[in-house]
Amino acid sequence: MDPYFKKEINILIIDDNNAPFILSLIRSFSGYKNLNLDVLVISHEKPHLFRYSRYIRHLYYKKGNIQEQFEEGVRETIEQSAAHLIIPTREWISRLIAEHHHWLNDIVRIHPVSDVDTIELTFDKWKLNQWLKANQFPC
């Protein structure tokens, strides 16, 4: 029995098949026996080599554009995997989660995610510089 989790927790990792660190992310959960890792890949390309990881319970693959199929693909996969928590692998997938949090919060826990404006501010160096100056941070 894992001392950290008394009952099983199902985690769904959402990827667009491009995150360079997904295998490291998957391996970081390897020490927790009561965690079930599923990965949803929505992409035009077949999933990369991480699909052979022994730590993944199930790989869900949806062919297409993640932005166009986000709600349908994610909702369906959450139901199929019985996910308790979703983790995105890319900043712009976090942005999609923030945009769709109104229905996601009803069916799954999402990682703490800022609103879309804050996400854009932190990733746009010019906007961040302007915000820091306006709020009297040393630049």
Foldseek 3Di string as FASTA:
>chain_A
DFPVDPAAAEEEEEEQQPQPCVLVVLVVCVVGPRYAYEYEHEYQDDHDPSCPDPRHPYYHYHYDDCVVCVPVRVVVVCVVRVHAEYHYRDLVVLQVCLVVVVVCVVRHDYDDGDHNVVSVCVVDVVSVVVVCVVVVHDD
